[in-house]
mmCIF file of all heavy atoms, coordinates in Angstrom:
data_MODEL
# 
_entry.id   MODEL 
# 
loop_
_atom_site.group_PDB 
_atom_site.id 
_atom_site.type_symbol 
_atom_site.label_atom_id 
_atom_site.label_alt_id 
_atom_site.label_comp_id 
_atom_site.label_asym_id 
_atom_site.label_entity_id 
_atom_site.label_seq_id 
_atom_site.pdbx_PDB_ins_code 
_atom_site.Cartn_x 
_atom_site.Cartn_y 
_atom_site.Cartn_z 
_atom_site.occupancy 
_atom_site.B_iso_or_equiv 
_atom_site.pdbx_formal_charge 
_atom_site.auth_seq_id 
_atom_site.auth_comp_id 
_atom_site.auth_asym_id 
_atom_site.auth_atom_id 
_atom_site.pdbx_PDB_model_num 
ATOM 1   N N   . GLY A 1 1  ? 70.246 58.899 8.595   1.00 0.00 ? 1  GLY A N   1 
ATOM 2   C CA  . GLY A 1 1  ? 71.486 59.120 9.319   1.00 0.00 ? 1  GLY A CA  1 
ATOM 3   C C   . GLY A 1 1  ? 72.694 58.404 8.759   1.00 0.00 ? 1  GLY A C   1 
ATOM 4   O O   . GLY A 1 1  ? 73.762 58.428 9.383   1.00 0.00 ? 1  GLY A O   1 
ATOM 5   N N   . LYS A 1 2  ? 72.553 57.774 7.605   1.00 0.00 ? 2  LYS A N   1 
ATOM 6   C CA  . LYS A 1 2  ? 73.653 57.026 6.995   1.00 0.00 ? 2  LYS A CA  1 
ATOM 7   C C   . LYS A 1 2  ? 74.045 57.617 5.649   1.00 0.00 ? 2  LYS A C   1 
ATOM 8   O O   . LYS A 1 2  ? 73.296 58.386 5.047   1.00 0.00 ? 2  LYS A O   1 
ATOM 9   C CB  . LYS A 1 2  ? 73.260 55.557 6.805   1.00 0.00 ? 2  LYS A CB  1 
ATOM 10  C CG  . LYS A 1 2  ? 72.784 54.854 8.058   1.00 0.00 ? 2  LYS A CG  1 
ATOM 11  C CD  . LYS A 1 2  ? 73.896 54.702 9.073   1.00 0.00 ? 2  LYS A CD  1 
ATOM 12  C CE  . LYS A 1 2  ? 73.413 53.922 10.282  1.00 0.00 ? 2  LYS A CE  1 
ATOM 13  N NZ  . LYS A 1 2  ? 74.491 53.772 11.294  1.00 0.00 ? 2  LYS A NZ  1 
ATOM 14  N N   . GLU A 1 3  ? 75.228 57.244 5.191   1.00 0.00 ? 3  GLU A N   1 
ATOM 15  C CA  . GLU A 1 3  ? 75.685 57.662 3.874   1.00 0.00 ? 3  GLU A CA  1 
ATOM 16  C C   . GLU A 1 3  ? 75.031 56.801 2.808   1.00 0.00 ? 3  GLU A C   1 
ATOM 17  O O   . GLU A 1 3  ? 74.647 55.659 3.056   1.00 0.00 ? 3  GLU A O   1 
ATOM 18  C CB  . GLU A 1 3  ? 77.207 57.555 3.779   1.00 0.00 ? 3  GLU A CB  1 
ATOM 19  C CG  . GLU A 1 3  ? 77.960 58.484 4.704   1.00 0.00 ? 3  GLU A CG  1 
ATOM 20  C CD  . GLU A 1 3  ? 77.765 59.935 4.347   1.00 0.00 ? 3  GLU A CD  1 
ATOM 21  O OE1 . GLU A 1 3  ? 77.750 60.260 3.141   1.00 0.00 ? 3  GLU A OE1 1 
ATOM 22  O OE2 . GLU A 1 3  ? 77.616 60.754 5.262   1.00 0.00 ? 3  GLU A OE2 1 
ATOM 23  N N   . ARG A 1 4  ? 74.923 57.337 1.615   1.00 0.00 ? 4  ARG A N   1 
ATOM 24  C CA  . ARG A 1 4  ? 74.355 56.580 0.520   1.00 0.00 ? 4  ARG A CA  1 
ATOM 25  C C   . ARG A 1 4  ? 75.306 55.442 0.140   1.00 0.00 ? 4  ARG A C   1 
ATOM 26  O O   . ARG A 1 4  ? 76.522 55.628 0.094   1.00 0.00 ? 4  ARG A O   1 
ATOM 27  C CB  . ARG A 1 4  ? 74.108 57.486 -0.686  1.00 0.00 ? 4  ARG A CB  1 
ATOM 28  C CG  . ARG A 1 4  ? 73.354 56.803 -1.818  1.00 0.00 ? 4  ARG A CG  1 
ATOM 29  C CD  . ARG A 1 4  ? 72.693 57.811 -2.728  1.00 0.00 ? 4  ARG A CD  1 
ATOM 30  N NE  . ARG A 1 4  ? 73.634 58.734 -3.322  1.00 0.00 ? 4  ARG A NE  1 
ATOM 31  C CZ  . ARG A 1 4  ? 73.297 59.796 -4.039  1.00 0.00 ? 4  ARG A CZ  1 
ATOM 32  N NH1 . ARG A 1 4  ? 72.010 60.072 -4.232  1.00 0.00 ? 4  ARG A NH1 1 
ATOM 33  N NH2 . ARG A 1 4  ? 74.226 60.575 -4.538  1.00 0.00 ? 4  ARG A NH2 1 
ATOM 34  N N   . GLU A 1 5  ? 74.750 54.269 -0.124  1.00 0.00 ? 5  GLU A N   1 
ATOM 35  C CA  . GLU A 1 5  ? 75.557 53.106 -0.431  1.00 0.00 ? 5  GLU A CA  1 
ATOM 36  C C   . GLU A 1 5  ? 75.067 52.388 -1.683  1.00 0.00 ? 5  GLU A C   1 
ATOM 37  O O   . GLU A 1 5  ? 73.898 52.462 -2.055  1.00 0.00 ? 5  GLU A O   1 
ATOM 38  C CB  . GLU A 1 5  ? 75.558 52.125 0.749   1.00 0.00 ? 5  GLU A CB  1 
ATOM 39  C CG  . GLU A 1 5  ? 74.195 51.510 1.044   1.00 0.00 ? 5  GLU A CG  1 
ATOM 40  C CD  . GLU A 1 5  ? 74.236 50.434 2.114   1.00 0.00 ? 5  GLU A CD  1 
ATOM 41  O OE1 . GLU A 1 5  ? 75.340 49.989 2.477   1.00 0.00 ? 5  GLU A OE1 1 
ATOM 42  O OE2 . GLU A 1 5  ? 73.149 50.029 2.591   1.00 0.00 ? 5  GLU A OE2 1 
ATOM 43  N N   . PHE A 1 6  ? 75.971 51.672 -2.300  1.00 0.00 ? 6  PHE A N   1 
ATOM 44  C CA  . PHE A 1 6  ? 75.665 50.884 -3.479  1.00 0.00 ? 6  PHE A CA  1 
ATOM 45  C C   . PHE A 1 6  ? 74.828 49.672 -3.108  1.00 0.00 ? 6  PHE A C   1 
ATOM 46  O O   . PHE A 1 6  ? 75.057 49.044 -2.077  1.00 0.00 ? 6  PHE A O   1 
ATOM 47  C CB  . PHE A 1 6  ? 76.970 50.429 -4.145  1.00 0.00 ? 6  PHE A CB  1 
ATOM 48  C CG  . PHE A 1 6  ? 76.788 49.368 -5.194  1.00 0.00 ? 6  PHE A CG  1 
ATOM 49  C CD1 . PHE A 1 6  ? 76.328 49.695 -6.462  1.00 0.00 ? 6  PHE A CD1 1 
ATOM 50  C CD2 . PHE A 1 6  ? 77.079 48.048 -4.923  1.00 0.00 ? 6  PHE A CD2 1 
ATOM 51  C CE1 . PHE A 1 6  ? 76.163 48.726 -7.435  1.00 0.00 ? 6  PHE A CE1 1 
ATOM 52  C CE2 . PHE A 1 6  ? 76.919 47.065 -5.881  1.00 0.00 ? 6  PHE A CE2 1 
ATOM 53  C CZ  . PHE A 1 6  ? 76.456 47.410 -7.139  1.00 0.00 ? 6  PHE A CZ  1 
ATOM 54  N N   . VAL A 1 7  ? 73.861 49.332 -3.963  1.00 0.00 ? 7  VAL A N   1 
ATOM 55  C CA  . VAL A 1 7  ? 73.018 48.165 -3.746  1.00 0.00 ? 7  VAL A CA  1 
ATOM 56  C C   . VAL A 1 7  ? 73.221 47.133 -4.853  1.00 0.00 ? 7  VAL A C   1 
ATOM 57  O O   . VAL A 1 7  ? 73.592 45.991 -4.596  1.00 0.00 ? 7  VAL A O   1 
ATOM 58  C CB  . VAL A 1 7  ? 71.525 48.538 -3.671  1.00 0.00 ? 7  VAL A CB  1 
ATOM 59  C CG1 . VAL A 1 7  ? 70.664 47.284 -3.513  1.00 0.00 ? 7  VAL A CG1 1 
ATOM 60  C CG2 . VAL A 1 7  ? 71.279 49.502 -2.519  1.00 0.00 ? 7  VAL A CG2 1 
ATOM 61  N N   . ALA A 1 8  ? 72.970 47.528 -6.091  1.00 0.00 ? 8  ALA A N   1 
ATOM 62  C CA  . ALA A 1 8  ? 73.078 46.602 -7.217  1.00 0.00 ? 8  ALA A CA  1 
ATOM 63  C C   . ALA A 1 8  ? 73.183 47.379 -8.516  1.00 0.00 ? 8  ALA A C   1 
ATOM 64  O O   . ALA A 1 8  ? 72.762 48.527 -8.602  1.00 0.00 ? 8  ALA A O   1 
ATOM 65  C CB  . ALA A 1 8  ? 71.867 45.668 -7.263  1.00 0.00 ? 8  ALA A CB  1 
ATOM 66  N N   . THR A 1 9  ? 73.736 46.732 -9.536  1.00 0.00 ? 9  THR A N   1 
ATOM 67  C CA  . THR A 1 9  ? 73.809 47.346 -10.853 1.00 0.00 ? 9  THR A CA  1 
ATOM 68  C C   . THR A 1 9  ? 73.740 46.271 -11.920 1.00 0.00 ? 9  THR A C   1 
ATOM 69  O O   . THR A 1 9  ? 74.029 45.097 -11.657 1.00 0.00 ? 9  THR A O   1 
ATOM 70  C CB  . THR A 1 9  ? 75.098 48.183 -11.025 1.00 0.00 ? 9  THR A CB  1 
ATOM 71  O OG1 . THR A 1 9  ? 75.002 48.990 -12.205 1.00 0.00 ? 9  THR A OG1 1 
ATOM 72  C CG2 . THR A 1 9  ? 76.324 47.279 -11.141 1.00 0.00 ? 9  THR A CG2 1 
ATOM 73  N N   . ILE A 1 10 ? 73.347 46.666 -13.110 1.00 0.00 ? 10 ILE A N   1 
ATOM 74  C CA  . ILE A 1 10 ? 73.277 45.750 -14.242 1.00 0.00 ? 10 ILE A CA  1 
ATOM 75  C C   . ILE A 1 10 ? 73.756 46.484 -15.485 1.00 0.00 ? 10 ILE A C   1 
ATOM 76  O O   . ILE A 1 10 ? 73.405 47.638 -15.711 1.00 0.00 ? 10 ILE A O   1 
ATOM 77  C CB  . ILE A 1 10 ? 71.844 45.192 -14.424 1.00 0.00 ? 10 ILE A CB  1 
ATOM 78  C CG1 . ILE A 1 10 ? 71.805 44.161 -15.554 1.00 0.00 ? 10 ILE A CG1 1 
ATOM 79  C CG2 . ILE A 1 10 ? 70.839 46.314 -14.678 1.00 0.00 ? 10 ILE A CG2 1 
ATOM 80  C CD1 . ILE A 1 10 ? 70.501 43.372 -15.611 1.00 0.00 ? 10 ILE A CD1 1 
ATOM 81  N N   . THR A 1 11 ? 74.577 45.808 -16.289 1.00 0.00 ? 11 THR A N   1 
ATOM 82  C CA  . THR A 1 11 ? 75.085 46.407 -17.512 1.00 0.00 ? 11 THR A CA  1 
ATOM 83  C C   . THR A 1 11 ? 74.134 46.145 -18.664 1.00 0.00 ? 11 THR A C   1 
ATOM 84  O O   . THR A 1 11 ? 73.189 45.361 -18.551 1.00 0.00 ? 11 THR A O   1 
ATOM 85  C CB  . THR A 1 11 ? 76.476 45.846 -17.871 1.00 0.00 ? 11 THR A CB  1 
ATOM 86  O OG1 . THR A 1 11 ? 76.351 44.463 -18.238 1.00 0.00 ? 11 THR A OG1 1 
ATOM 87  C CG2 . THR A 1 11 ? 77.443 45.971 -16.703 1.00 0.00 ? 11 THR A CG2 1 
ATOM 88  N N   . TRP A 1 12 ? 74.390 46.797 -19.796 1.00 0.00 ? 12 TRP A N   1 
ATOM 89  C CA  . TRP A 1 12 ? 73.571 46.631 -20.987 1.00 0.00 ? 12 TRP A CA  1 
ATOM 90  C C   . TRP A 1 12 ? 73.548 45.184 -21.448 1.00 0.00 ? 12 TRP A C   1 
ATOM 91  O O   . TRP A 1 12 ? 72.541 44.713 -21.989 1.00 0.00 ? 12 TRP A O   1 
ATOM 92  C CB  . TRP A 1 12 ? 74.081 47.538 -22.103 1.00 0.00 ? 12 TRP A CB  1 
ATOM 93  C CG  . TRP A 1 12 ? 73.227 47.556 -23.315 1.00 0.00 ? 12 TRP A CG  1 
ATOM 94  C CD1 . TRP A 1 12 ? 73.414 46.848 -24.477 1.00 0.00 ? 12 TRP A CD1 1 
ATOM 95  C CD2 . TRP A 1 12 ? 72.036 48.335 -23.521 1.00 0.00 ? 12 TRP A CD2 1 
ATOM 96  N NE1 . TRP A 1 12 ? 72.424 47.134 -25.381 1.00 0.00 ? 12 TRP A NE1 1 
ATOM 97  C CE2 . TRP A 1 12 ? 71.563 48.051 -24.829 1.00 0.00 ? 12 TRP A CE2 1 
ATOM 98  C CE3 . TRP A 1 12 ? 71.336 49.246 -22.728 1.00 0.00 ? 12 TRP A CE3 1 
ATOM 99  C CZ2 . TRP A 1 12 ? 70.415 48.644 -25.341 1.00 0.00 ? 12 TRP A CZ2 1 
ATOM 100 C CZ3 . TRP A 1 12 ? 70.193 49.834 -23.243 1.00 0.00 ? 12 TRP A CZ3 1 
ATOM 101 C CH2 . TRP A 1 12 ? 69.751 49.530 -24.536 1.00 0.00 ? 12 TRP A CH2 1 
ATOM 102 N N   . THR A 1 13 ? 74.645 44.473 -21.250 1.00 0.00 ? 13 THR A N   1 
ATOM 103 C CA  . THR A 1 13 ? 74.754 43.095 -21.678 1.00 0.00 ? 13 THR A CA  1 
ATOM 104 C C   . THR A 1 13 ? 74.218 42.098 -20.647 1.00 0.00 ? 13 THR A C   1 
ATOM 105 O O   . THR A 1 13 ? 74.220 40.894 -20.894 1.00 0.00 ? 13 THR A O   1 
ATOM 106 C CB  . THR A 1 13 ? 76.207 42.733 -22.011 1.00 0.00 ? 13 THR A CB  1 
ATOM 107 O OG1 . THR A 1 13 ? 77.055 43.072 -20.911 1.00 0.00 ? 13 THR A OG1 1 
ATOM 108 C CG2 . THR A 1 13 ? 76.670 43.504 -23.241 1.00 0.00 ? 13 THR A CG2 1 
ATOM 109 N N   . GLY A 1 14 ? 73.781 42.597 -19.507 1.00 0.00 ? 14 GLY A N   1 
ATOM 110 C CA  . GLY A 1 14 ? 73.156 41.738 -18.527 1.00 0.00 ? 14 GLY A CA  1 
ATOM 111 C C   . GLY A 1 14 ? 74.003 41.286 -17.358 1.00 0.00 ? 14 GLY A C   1 
ATOM 112 O O   . GLY A 1 14 ? 73.541 40.470 -16.550 1.00 0.00 ? 14 GLY A O   1 
ATOM 113 N N   . ASN A 1 15 ? 75.220 41.769 -17.251 1.00 0.00 ? 15 ASN A N   1 
ATOM 114 C CA  . ASN A 1 15 ? 76.053 41.423 -16.102 1.00 0.00 ? 15 ASN A CA  1 
ATOM 115 C C   . ASN A 1 15 ? 75.543 42.144 -14.868 1.00 0.00 ? 15 ASN A C   1 
ATOM 116 O O   . ASN A 1 15 ? 75.243 43.334 -14.920 1.00 0.00 ? 15 ASN A O   1 
ATOM 117 C CB  . ASN A 1 15 ? 77.508 41.794 -16.363 1.00 0.00 ? 15 ASN A CB  1 
ATOM 118 C CG  . ASN A 1 15 ? 78.114 40.975 -17.481 1.00 0.00 ? 15 ASN A CG  1 
ATOM 119 O OD1 . ASN A 1 15 ? 77.921 39.764 -17.549 1.00 0.00 ? 15 ASN A OD1 1 
ATOM 120 N ND2 . ASN A 1 15 ? 78.860 41.619 -18.360 1.00 0.00 ? 15 ASN A ND2 1 
ATOM 121 N N   . THR A 1 16 ? 75.453 41.432 -13.767 1.00 0.00 ? 16 THR A N   1 
ATOM 122 C CA  . THR A 1 16 ? 74.922 42.002 -12.535 1.00 0.00 ? 16 THR A CA  1 
ATOM 123 C C   . THR A 1 16 ? 75.944 41.985 -11.416 1.00 0.00 ? 16 THR A C   1 
ATOM 124 O O   . THR A 1 16 ? 76.812 41.113 -11.356 1.00 0.00 ? 16 THR A O   1 
ATOM 125 C CB  . THR A 1 16 ? 73.666 41.244 -12.079 1.00 0.00 ? 16 THR A CB  1 
ATOM 126 O OG1 . THR A 1 16 ? 73.981 39.865 -11.871 1.00 0.00 ? 16 THR A OG1 1 
ATOM 127 C CG2 . THR A 1 16 ? 72.567 41.355 -13.121 1.00 0.00 ? 16 THR A CG2 1 
ATOM 128 N N   . TYR A 1 17 ? 75.807 42.944 -10.521 1.00 0.00 ? 17 TYR A N   1 
ATOM 129 C CA  . TYR A 1 17 ? 76.682 43.064 -9.365  1.00 0.00 ? 17 TYR A CA  1 
ATOM 130 C C   . TYR A 1 17 ? 75.835 43.489 -8.173  1.00 0.00 ? 17 TYR A C   1 
ATOM 131 O O   . TYR A 1 17 ? 74.943 44.327 -8.305  1.00 0.00 ? 17 TYR A O   1 
ATOM 132 C CB  . TYR A 1 17 ? 77.789 44.087 -9.619  1.00 0.00 ? 17 TYR A CB  1 
ATOM 133 C CG  . TYR A 1 17 ? 78.577 43.821 -10.878 1.00 0.00 ? 17 TYR A CG  1 
ATOM 134 C CD1 . TYR A 1 17 ? 78.156 44.344 -12.096 1.00 0.00 ? 17 TYR A CD1 1 
ATOM 135 C CD2 . TYR A 1 17 ? 79.727 43.040 -10.848 1.00 0.00 ? 17 TYR A CD2 1 
ATOM 136 C CE1 . TYR A 1 17 ? 78.861 44.093 -13.261 1.00 0.00 ? 17 TYR A CE1 1 
ATOM 137 C CE2 . TYR A 1 17 ? 80.432 42.786 -12.014 1.00 0.00 ? 17 TYR A CE2 1 
ATOM 138 C CZ  . TYR A 1 17 ? 80.000 43.317 -13.216 1.00 0.00 ? 17 TYR A CZ  1 
ATOM 139 O OH  . TYR A 1 17 ? 80.705 43.064 -14.372 1.00 0.00 ? 17 TYR A OH  1 
ATOM 140 N N   . TYR A 1 18 ? 76.126 42.917 -7.004  1.00 0.00 ? 18 TYR A N   1 
ATOM 141 C CA  . TYR A 1 18 ? 75.368 43.208 -5.799  1.00 0.00 ? 18 TYR A CA  1 
ATOM 142 C C   . TYR A 1 18 ? 76.287 43.462 -4.622  1.00 0.00 ? 18 TYR A C   1 
ATOM 143 O O   . TYR A 1 18 ? 77.372 42.893 -4.524  1.00 0.00 ? 18 TYR A O   1 
ATOM 144 C CB  . TYR A 1 18 ? 74.454 42.041 -5.421  1.00 0.00 ? 18 TYR A CB  1 
ATOM 145 C CG  . TYR A 1 18 ? 73.430 41.661 -6.458  1.00 0.00 ? 18 TYR A CG  1 
ATOM 146 C CD1 . TYR A 1 18 ? 73.726 40.718 -7.435  1.00 0.00 ? 18 TYR A CD1 1 
ATOM 147 C CD2 . TYR A 1 18 ? 72.163 42.230 -6.442  1.00 0.00 ? 18 TYR A CD2 1 
ATOM 148 C CE1 . TYR A 1 18 ? 72.780 40.360 -8.388  1.00 0.00 ? 18 TYR A CE1 1 
ATOM 149 C CE2 . TYR A 1 18 ? 71.214 41.874 -7.390  1.00 0.00 ? 18 TYR A CE2 1 
ATOM 150 C CZ  . TYR A 1 18 ? 71.529 40.934 -8.362  1.00 0.00 ? 18 TYR A CZ  1 
ATOM 151 O OH  . TYR A 1 18 ? 70.584 40.584 -9.298  1.00 0.00 ? 18 TYR A OH  1 
ATOM 152 N N   . THR A 1 19 ? 75.835 44.290 -3.722  1.00 0.00 ? 19 THR A N   1 
ATOM 153 C CA  . THR A 1 19 ? 76.541 44.433 -2.467  1.00 0.00 ? 19 THR A CA  1 
ATOM 154 C C   . THR A 1 19 ? 76.250 43.183 -1.634  1.00 0.00 ? 19 THR A C   1 
ATOM 155 O O   . THR A 1 19 ? 75.186 42.568 -1.776  1.00 0.00 ? 19 THR A O   1 
ATOM 156 C CB  . THR A 1 19 ? 76.106 45.711 -1.720  1.00 0.00 ? 19 THR A CB  1 
ATOM 157 O OG1 . THR A 1 19 ? 76.983 45.940 -0.604  1.00 0.00 ? 19 THR A OG1 1 
ATOM 158 C CG2 . THR A 1 19 ? 74.685 45.596 -1.209  1.00 0.00 ? 19 THR A CG2 1 
ATOM 159 N N   . ASP A 1 20 ? 77.188 42.789 -0.792  1.00 0.00 ? 20 ASP A N   1 
ATOM 160 C CA  . ASP A 1 20 ? 77.078 41.528 -0.067  1.00 0.00 ? 20 ASP A CA  1 
ATOM 161 C C   . ASP A 1 20 ? 75.803 41.404 0.764   1.00 0.00 ? 20 ASP A C   1 
ATOM 162 O O   . ASP A 1 20 ? 75.235 40.314 0.881   1.00 0.00 ? 20 ASP A O   1 
ATOM 163 C CB  . ASP A 1 20 ? 78.295 41.334 0.838   1.00 0.00 ? 20 ASP A CB  1 
ATOM 164 C CG  . ASP A 1 20 ? 79.554 41.005 0.067   1.00 0.00 ? 20 ASP A CG  1 
ATOM 165 O OD1 . ASP A 1 20 ? 79.448 40.615 -1.111  1.00 0.00 ? 20 ASP A OD1 1 
ATOM 166 O OD2 . ASP A 1 20 ? 80.650 41.130 0.649   1.00 0.00 ? 20 ASP A OD2 1 
ATOM 167 N N   . SER A 1 21 ? 75.349 42.485 1.339   1.00 0.00 ? 21 SER A N   1 
ATOM 168 C CA  . SER A 1 21 ? 74.211 42.432 2.241   1.00 0.00 ? 21 SER A CA  1 
ATOM 169 C C   . SER A 1 21 ? 72.881 42.086 1.565   1.00 0.00 ? 21 SER A C   1 
ATOM 170 O O   . SER A 1 21 ? 71.927 41.715 2.245   1.00 0.00 ? 21 SER A O   1 
ATOM 171 C CB  . SER A 1 21 ? 74.063 43.758 2.991   1.00 0.00 ? 21 SER A CB  1 
ATOM 172 O OG  . SER A 1 21 ? 73.780 44.823 2.099   1.00 0.00 ? 21 SER A OG  1 
ATOM 173 N N   . VAL A 1 22 ? 72.819 42.178 0.240   1.00 0.00 ? 22 VAL A N   1 
ATOM 174 C CA  . VAL A 1 22 ? 71.567 41.889 -0.451  1.00 0.00 ? 22 VAL A CA  1 
ATOM 175 C C   . VAL A 1 22 ? 71.653 40.669 -1.352  1.00 0.00 ? 22 VAL A C   1 
ATOM 176 O O   . VAL A 1 22 ? 70.640 40.258 -1.930  1.00 0.00 ? 22 VAL A O   1 
ATOM 177 C CB  . VAL A 1 22 ? 71.075 43.095 -1.282  1.00 0.00 ? 22 VAL A CB  1 
ATOM 178 C CG1 . VAL A 1 22 ? 71.003 44.340 -0.413  1.00 0.00 ? 22 VAL A CG1 1 
ATOM 179 C CG2 . VAL A 1 22 ? 71.967 43.326 -2.494  1.00 0.00 ? 22 VAL A CG2 1 
ATOM 180 N N   . LYS A 1 23 ? 72.815 40.068 -1.468  1.00 0.00 ? 23 LYS A N   1 
ATOM 181 C CA  . LYS A 1 23 ? 72.980 38.892 -2.317  1.00 0.00 ? 23 LYS A CA  1 
ATOM 182 C C   . LYS A 1 23 ? 72.070 37.759 -1.847  1.00 0.00 ? 23 LYS A C   1 
ATOM 183 O O   . LYS A 1 23 ? 72.000 37.450 -0.667  1.00 0.00 ? 23 LYS A O   1 
ATOM 184 C CB  . LYS A 1 23 ? 74.434 38.424 -2.312  1.00 0.00 ? 23 LYS A CB  1 
ATOM 185 C CG  . LYS A 1 23 ? 75.374 39.332 -3.076  1.00 0.00 ? 23 LYS A CG  1 
ATOM 186 C CD  . LYS A 1 23 ? 76.803 38.794 -3.052  1.00 0.00 ? 23 LYS A CD  1 
ATOM 187 C CE  . LYS A 1 23 ? 77.738 39.690 -3.842  1.00 0.00 ? 23 LYS A CE  1 
ATOM 188 N NZ  . LYS A 1 23 ? 79.140 39.216 -3.788  1.00 0.00 ? 23 LYS A NZ  1 
ATOM 189 N N   . GLY A 1 24 ? 71.378 37.153 -2.798  1.00 0.00 ? 24 GLY A N   1 
ATOM 190 C CA  . GLY A 1 24 ? 70.455 36.081 -2.480  1.00 0.00 ? 24 GLY A CA  1 
ATOM 191 C C   . GLY A 1 24 ? 69.068 36.560 -2.131  1.00 0.00 ? 24 GLY A C   1 
ATOM 192 O O   . GLY A 1 24 ? 68.134 35.748 -2.057  1.00 0.00 ? 24 GLY A O   1 
ATOM 193 N N   . ARG A 1 25 ? 68.908 37.848 -1.904  1.00 0.00 ? 25 ARG A N   1 
ATOM 194 C CA  . ARG A 1 25 ? 67.608 38.406 -1.553  1.00 0.00 ? 25 ARG A CA  1 
ATOM 195 C C   . ARG A 1 25 ? 67.072 39.354 -2.626  1.00 0.00 ? 25 ARG A C   1 
ATOM 196 O O   . ARG A 1 25 ? 65.873 39.388 -2.882  1.00 0.00 ? 25 ARG A O   1 
ATOM 197 C CB  . ARG A 1 25 ? 67.684 39.156 -0.224  1.00 0.00 ? 25 ARG A CB  1 
ATOM 198 C CG  . ARG A 1 25 ? 68.079 38.287 0.955   1.00 0.00 ? 25 ARG A CG  1 
ATOM 199 C CD  . ARG A 1 25 ? 67.905 39.030 2.268   1.00 0.00 ? 25 ARG A CD  1 
ATOM 200 N NE  . ARG A 1 25 ? 68.741 40.230 2.344   1.00 0.00 ? 25 ARG A NE  1 
ATOM 201 C CZ  . ARG A 1 25 ? 68.277 41.461 2.527   1.00 0.00 ? 25 ARG A CZ  1 
ATOM 202 N NH1 . ARG A 1 25 ? 66.967 41.663 2.652   1.00 0.00 ? 25 ARG A NH1 1 
ATOM 203 N NH2 . ARG A 1 25 ? 69.110 42.491 2.600   1.00 0.00 ? 25 ARG A NH2 1 
ATOM 204 N N   . PHE A 1 26 ? 67.963 40.131 -3.222  1.00 0.00 ? 26 PHE A N   1 
ATOM 205 C CA  . PHE A 1 26 ? 67.570 41.109 -4.236  1.00 0.00 ? 26 PHE A CA  1 
ATOM 206 C C   . PHE A 1 26 ? 67.978 40.619 -5.623  1.00 0.00 ? 26 PHE A C   1 
ATOM 207 O O   . PHE A 1 26 ? 69.006 39.954 -5.785  1.00 0.00 ? 26 PHE A O   1 
ATOM 208 C CB  . PHE A 1 26 ? 68.242 42.456 -3.991  1.00 0.00 ? 26 PHE A CB  1 
ATOM 209 C CG  . PHE A 1 26 ? 67.750 43.204 -2.779  1.00 0.00 ? 26 PHE A CG  1 
ATOM 210 C CD1 . PHE A 1 26 ? 66.920 42.609 -1.838  1.00 0.00 ? 26 PHE A CD1 1 
ATOM 211 C CD2 . PHE A 1 26 ? 68.131 44.525 -2.579  1.00 0.00 ? 26 PHE A CD2 1 
ATOM 212 C CE1 . PHE A 1 26 ? 66.472 43.295 -0.722  1.00 0.00 ? 26 PHE A CE1 1 
ATOM 213 C CE2 . PHE A 1 26 ? 67.698 45.230 -1.473  1.00 0.00 ? 26 PHE A CE2 1 
ATOM 214 C CZ  . PHE A 1 26 ? 66.868 44.616 -0.539  1.00 0.00 ? 26 PHE A CZ  1 
ATOM 215 N N   . THR A 1 27 ? 67.187 40.980 -6.611  1.00 0.00 ? 27 THR A N   1 
ATOM 216 C CA  . THR A 1 27 ? 67.503 40.658 -7.992  1.00 0.00 ? 27 THR A CA  1 
ATOM 217 C C   . THR A 1 27 ? 67.281 41.888 -8.862  1.00 0.00 ? 27 THR A C   1 
ATOM 218 O O   . THR A 1 27 ? 66.194 42.468 -8.855  1.00 0.00 ? 27 THR A O   1 
ATOM 219 C CB  . THR A 1 27 ? 66.637 39.504 -8.525  1.00 0.00 ? 27 THR A CB  1 
ATOM 220 O OG1 . THR A 1 27 ? 66.819 38.341 -7.714  1.00 0.00 ? 27 THR A OG1 1 
ATOM 221 C CG2 . THR A 1 27 ? 67.029 39.168 -9.957  1.00 0.00 ? 27 THR A CG2 1 
# 
């Protein structure tokens, strides 16, 4: 019942980005 949302991404060089709700829990 929800829209698709961003969770995390990683670039070729290893830079990572996370949505706030998963920071500290997901890697």
